[in-house]
C-alpha atoms as a PDB file:
ATOM      1  CA  MET A   1       4.112   0.690  23.631  1.00  0.00           C
ATOM      2  CA  SER A   2       7.067   1.458  26.158  1.00  0.00           C
ATOM      3  CA  PRO A   3       7.010   4.385  28.245  1.00  0.00           C
ATOM      4  CA  ALA A   4      10.373   4.803  26.829  1.00  0.00           C
ATOM      5  CA  ASN A   5       8.758   4.601  23.325  1.00  0.00           C
ATOM      6  CA  LYS A   6       6.201   6.547  24.103  1.00  0.00           C
ATOM      7  CA  ARG A   7       8.628   9.515  25.278  1.00  0.00           C
ATOM      8  CA  ARG A   8      10.635   9.315  21.825  1.00  0.00           C
ATOM      9  CA  GLY A   9       7.470   9.554  20.080  1.00  0.00           C
ATOM     10  CA  ALA A  10       6.359  12.640  22.000  1.00  0.00           C
ATOM     11  CA  LEU A  11       9.640  14.369  21.348  1.00  0.00           C
ATOM     12  CA  SER A  12       9.382  13.403  17.983  1.00  0.00           C
ATOM     13  CA  VAL A  13       6.622  15.314  17.104  1.00  0.00           C
ATOM     14  CA  LYS A  14       7.903  17.841  20.022  1.00  0.00           C
ATOM     15  CA  ARG A  15      10.968  18.559  17.824  1.00  0.00           C
ATOM     16  CA  ALA A  16       9.199  18.856  14.748  1.00  0.00           C
ATOM     17  CA  ARG A  17       6.912  21.444  15.906  1.00  0.00           C
ATOM     18  CA  GLN A  18       9.983  23.214  17.782  1.00  0.00           C
ATOM     19  CA  ARG A  19      11.415  23.936  13.953  1.00  0.00           C
ATOM     20  CA  VAL A  20       8.919  26.741  13.737  1.00  0.00           C
ATOM     21  CA  SER A  21       9.576  29.333  16.736  1.00  0.00           C
ATOM     22  CA  PRO A  22       6.328  30.488  18.757  1.00  0.00           C
ATOM     23  CA  GLU A  23       6.972  34.181  16.634  1.00  0.00           C
ATOM     24  CA  GLN A  24       6.877  32.274  13.089  1.00  0.00           C
ATOM     25  CA  ASP A  25       4.098  30.161  14.223  1.00  0.00           C
ATOM     26  CA  ASP A  26       1.535  30.442  11.570  1.00  0.00           C
ATOM     27  CA  PRO A  27      -1.892  30.440  11.767  1.00  0.00           C
ATOM     28  CA  GLU A  28      -2.981  29.862   8.286  1.00  0.00           C
ATOM     29  CA  LEU A  29      -0.471  27.115   8.281  1.00  0.00           C
ATOM     30  CA  GLU A  30      -1.728  25.140  11.496  1.00  0.00           C
ATOM     31  CA  ALA A  31      -5.425  25.220   9.961  1.00  0.00           C
ATOM     32  CA  LEU A  32      -4.467  24.214   6.496  1.00  0.00           C
ATOM     33  CA  VAL A  33      -2.511  21.348   7.772  1.00  0.00           C
ATOM     34  CA  ARG A  34      -5.599  20.720  10.538  1.00  0.00           C
ATOM     35  CA  GLU A  35      -8.132  20.694   7.525  1.00  0.00           C
ATOM     36  CA  ILE A  36      -5.947  18.473   5.211  1.00  0.00           C
ATOM     37  CA  ILE A  37      -5.584  15.454   7.965  1.00  0.00           C
ATOM     38  CA  GLY A  38      -9.526  16.124   8.462  1.00  0.00           C
ATOM     39  CA  ARG A  39      -9.819  15.279   4.736  1.00  0.00           C
ATOM     40  CA  VAL A  40      -7.337  12.996   4.439  1.00  0.00           C
ATOM     41  CA  ALA A  41      -8.346  10.866   7.786  1.00  0.00           C
ATOM     42  CA  ASP A  42     -11.645  10.185   5.951  1.00  0.00           C
ATOM     43  CA  LYS A  43     -11.599   6.543   4.880  1.00  0.00           C
ATOM     44  CA  TRP A  44     -12.822   7.541   0.814  1.00  0.00           C
ATOM     45  CA  THR A  45     -10.084  10.054   0.157  1.00  0.00           C
ATOM     46  CA  MET A  46      -7.550   7.204   1.542  1.00  0.00           C
ATOM     47  CA  LEU A  47      -9.087   4.871  -1.149  1.00  0.00           C
ATOM     48  CA  VAL A  48      -9.418   7.081  -3.959  1.00  0.00           C
ATOM     49  CA  LEU A  49      -5.628   7.605  -3.584  1.00  0.00           C
ATOM     50  CA  GLU A  50      -5.084   3.951  -3.440  1.00  0.00           C
ATOM     51  CA  ALA A  51      -7.085   2.893  -6.452  1.00  0.00           C
ATOM     52  CA  LEU A  52      -5.770   5.880  -8.686  1.00  0.00           C
ATOM     53  CA  ALA A  53      -2.153   4.876  -7.313  1.00  0.00           C
ATOM     54  CA  GLU A  54      -2.560   1.596  -8.339  1.00  0.00           C
ATOM     55  CA  HIS A  55      -4.314   1.775 -11.472  1.00  0.00           C
ATOM     56  CA  GLY A  56      -3.520   5.288 -12.950  1.00  0.00           C
ATOM     57  CA  ARG A  57      -6.347   7.224 -14.617  1.00  0.00           C
ATOM     58  CA  LEU A  58      -9.664   6.018 -14.338  1.00  0.00           C
ATOM     59  CA  ARG A  59     -13.225   6.342 -15.288  1.00  0.00           C
ATOM     60  CA  PHE A  60     -15.617   7.393 -12.560  1.00  0.00           C
ATOM     61  CA  THR A  61     -17.774   3.947 -12.675  1.00  0.00           C
ATOM     62  CA  ARG A  62     -14.392   2.124 -12.401  1.00  0.00           C
ATOM     63  CA  LEU A  63     -12.798   4.066  -9.242  1.00  0.00           C
ATOM     64  CA  GLY A  64     -16.108   3.440  -7.867  1.00  0.00           C
ATOM     65  CA  LYS A  65     -15.844  -0.299  -8.188  1.00  0.00           C
ATOM     66  CA  LEU A  66     -12.350  -0.520  -7.662  1.00  0.00           C
ATOM     67  CA  ILE A  67     -13.082   0.982  -4.443  1.00  0.00           C
ATOM     68  CA  GLY A  68     -16.503  -0.643  -3.236  1.00  0.00           C
ATOM     69  CA  GLY A  69     -18.974   0.087  -1.145  1.00  0.00           C
ATOM     70  CA  VAL A  70     -19.056   3.702  -2.248  1.00  0.00           C
ATOM     71  CA  SER A  71     -22.203   5.429  -2.787  1.00  0.00           C
ATOM     72  CA  GLN A  72     -22.349   7.826  -6.046  1.00  0.00           C
ATOM     73  CA  LYS A  73     -22.789  10.534  -3.923  1.00  0.00           C
ATOM     74  CA  MET A  74     -20.138  10.541  -1.586  1.00  0.00           C
ATOM     75  CA  LEU A  75     -17.427   9.397  -4.436  1.00  0.00           C
ATOM     76  CA  THR A  76     -18.489  12.806  -6.114  1.00  0.00           C
ATOM     77  CA  LYS A  77     -18.170  14.734  -3.023  1.00  0.00           C
ATOM     78  CA  THR A  78     -14.680  13.112  -2.171  1.00  0.00           C
ATOM     79  CA  LEU A  79     -13.488  13.905  -5.810  1.00  0.00           C
ATOM     80  CA  ARG A  80     -14.788  17.410  -6.012  1.00  0.00           C
ATOM     81  CA  GLN A  81     -12.924  18.013  -2.700  1.00  0.00           C
ATOM     82  CA  MET A  82      -9.633  15.960  -4.180  1.00  0.00           C
ATOM     83  CA  GLU A  83      -9.862  17.954  -7.554  1.00  0.00           C
ATOM     84  CA  ALA A  84     -10.470  21.497  -5.256  1.00  0.00           C
ATOM     85  CA  ASP A  85      -7.335  20.602  -3.262  1.00  0.00           C
ATOM     86  CA  GLY A  86      -5.376  19.834  -6.058  1.00  0.00           C
ATOM     87  CA  LEU A  87      -5.209  16.255  -5.483  1.00  0.00           C
ATOM     88  CA  VAL A  88      -6.550  14.800  -8.660  1.00  0.00           C
ATOM     89  CA  SER A  89      -7.479  16.011 -11.670  1.00  0.00           C
ATOM     90  CA  ARG A  90     -10.601  15.529 -13.847  1.00  0.00           C
ATOM     91  CA  THR A  91     -10.738  15.276 -17.586  1.00  0.00           C
ATOM     92  CA  VAL A  92     -13.988  15.232 -19.457  1.00  0.00           C
ATOM     93  CA  PHE A  93     -14.200  13.995 -22.756  1.00  0.00           C
ATOM     94  CA  PRO A  94     -17.208  15.535 -25.448  1.00  0.00           C
ATOM     95  CA  VAL A  95     -18.646  12.535 -26.223  1.00  0.00           C
ATOM     96  CA  ILE A  96     -22.140  10.606 -25.608  1.00  0.00           C
ATOM     97  CA  PRO A  97     -22.791   9.639 -23.171  1.00  0.00           C
ATOM     98  CA  PRO A  98     -19.953  12.325 -21.181  1.00  0.00           C
ATOM     99  CA  ARG A  99     -17.153  10.356 -20.176  1.00  0.00           C
ATOM    100  CA  VAL A 100     -15.270  11.447 -17.381  1.00  0.00           C
ATOM    101  CA  GLU A 101     -11.946  10.573 -15.999  1.00  0.00           C
ATOM    102  CA  TYR A 102      -9.679  11.464 -12.936  1.00  0.00           C
ATOM    103  CA  GLU A 103      -6.139  10.862 -12.260  1.00  0.00           C
ATOM    104  CA  LEU A 104      -3.657  11.759  -9.371  1.00  0.00           C
ATOM    105  CA  THR A 105      -1.565  15.260  -9.772  1.00  0.00           C
ATOM    106  CA  LYS A 106       2.029  15.465  -8.589  1.00  0.00           C
ATOM    107  CA  LEU A 107       0.758  17.310  -5.352  1.00  0.00           C
ATOM    108  CA  GLY A 108      -1.992  13.625  -4.820  1.00  0.00           C
ATOM    109  CA  ASN A 109       0.749  11.443  -5.756  1.00  0.00           C
ATOM    110  CA  SER A 110       3.274  13.187  -3.125  1.00  0.00           C
ATOM    111  CA  LEU A 111       0.363  12.943  -0.461  1.00  0.00           C
ATOM    112  CA  GLY A 112       0.123   9.318  -1.550  1.00  0.00           C
ATOM    113  CA  GLU A 113       3.594   8.995  -0.691  1.00  0.00           C
ATOM    114  CA  ALA A 114       3.300  10.575   2.467  1.00  0.00           C
ATOM    115  CA  PHE A 115       0.832   8.558   3.645  1.00  0.00           C
ATOM    116  CA  CYS A 116       2.588   5.150   2.827  1.00  0.00           C
ATOM    117  CA  GLY A 117       4.332   5.619   6.194  1.00  0.00           C
ATOM    118  CA  VAL A 118       1.033   4.716   7.482  1.00  0.00           C
ATOM    119  CA  TRP A 119       0.572   1.730   5.783  1.00  0.00           C
ATOM    120  CA  ILE A 120       4.237   0.407   6.414  1.00  0.00           C
ATOM    121  CA  TRP A 121       3.569   1.376  10.094  1.00  0.00           C
ATOM    122  CA  ALA A 122       0.350  -0.573  10.278  1.00  0.00           C
ATOM    123  CA  GLU A 123       2.014  -3.419   8.460  1.00  0.00           C
ATOM    124  CA  LYS A 124       5.082  -3.312  10.975  1.00  0.00           C
ATOM    125  CA  HIS A 125       2.592  -2.911  14.265  1.00  0.00           C
ATOM    126  CA  ARG A 126      -0.351  -5.366  12.940  1.00  0.00           C
ATOM    127  CA  GLU A 127      -0.026  -7.947  15.684  1.00  0.00           C
ATOM    128  CA  ALA A 128       0.244  -5.534  18.470  1.00  0.00           C
ATOM    129  CA  ILE A 129      -2.438  -3.644  17.321  1.00  0.00           C
ATOM    130  CA  MET A 130      -4.619  -6.803  17.281  1.00  0.00           C
ATOM    131  CA  GLN A 131      -3.560  -7.885  20.695  1.00  0.00           C
ATOM    132  CA  ALA A 132      -4.574  -4.618  22.078  1.00  0.00           C
ATOM    133  CA  ARG A 133      -7.900  -4.829  20.697  1.00  0.00           C
ATOM    134  CA  LYS A 134      -8.540  -8.073  21.985  1.00  0.00           C
ATOM    135  CA  SER A 135      -7.446  -7.262  25.263  1.00  0.00           C
ATOM    136  CA  PHE A 136      -9.538  -4.299  25.078  1.00  0.00           C
ATOM    137  CA  GLN A 137     -12.920  -6.183  24.390  1.00  0.00           C
ATOM    138  CA  GLU A 138     -11.982  -8.900  26.995  1.00  0.00           C
ATOM    139  CA  ARG A 139     -11.609  -6.282  29.630  1.00  0.00           C
ATOM    140  CA  GLY A 140     -15.281  -4.707  27.923  1.00  0.00           C
ATOM    141  CA  ARG A 141     -16.719  -7.795  28.324  1.00  0.00           C
ATOM    142  CA  VAL A 142     -15.899  -8.675  32.029  1.00  0.00           C
ATOM    143  CA  ALA A 143     -16.868  -4.878  32.523  1.00  0.00           C
ATOM    144  CA  SER A 144     -20.163  -5.446  31.246  1.00  0.00           C
ATOM    145  CA  THR A 145     -20.769  -8.820  32.861  1.00  0.00           C
ATOM    146  CA  ARG A 146     -20.763  -6.808  36.533  1.00  0.00           C
ATOM    147  CA  PRO A 147     -23.466  -5.697  37.997  1.00  0.00           C
ATOM    148  CA  LEU A 148     -24.136  -2.003  37.446  1.00  0.00           C
ATOM    149  CA  SER A 149     -23.822  -1.100  41.078  1.00  0.00           C
ATOM    150  CA  LEU A 150     -20.430  -2.824  41.186  1.00  0.00           C
ATOM    151  CA  ALA A 151     -19.166  -0.900  37.666  1.00  0.00           C
ATOM    152  CA  LEU A 152     -20.372   2.229  39.406  1.00  0.00           C
ATOM    153  CA  ARG A 153     -17.959   1.701  42.456  1.00  0.00           C
ATOM    154  CA  ARG A 154     -14.654   2.262  39.910  1.00  0.00           C
END
């Protein structure tokens, strides 16, 4: 990223933060935003959001299969937290064996829409990211092939 683009990005974040004056800064809101970012940054939450957005109402086992690689324990924990945050609704049907289905709430759909921008950004910048990773790995290999005494002199 060019220095000009870095400055523009920093300025837009700064401008967004300036919409709230220091006197109006809300510690509760800041804590909530940090908490939500922490939860949504969890890959399972993002994958559940994606699966439910694409397929609508799903049973627990079907959701787990669509996501792939998630344990029942982790999926249960993720869905409970998402339900507590109002992102998914859980419907239990009184049949034997019990049938439980999950679907996104309006709040969950709106969060998915907000994070759609991340997908678009990743798609747009995929090549630059892959090139940066490749360059980083190559620099790492060069540095790791130096004797320790030379690496410590840096």
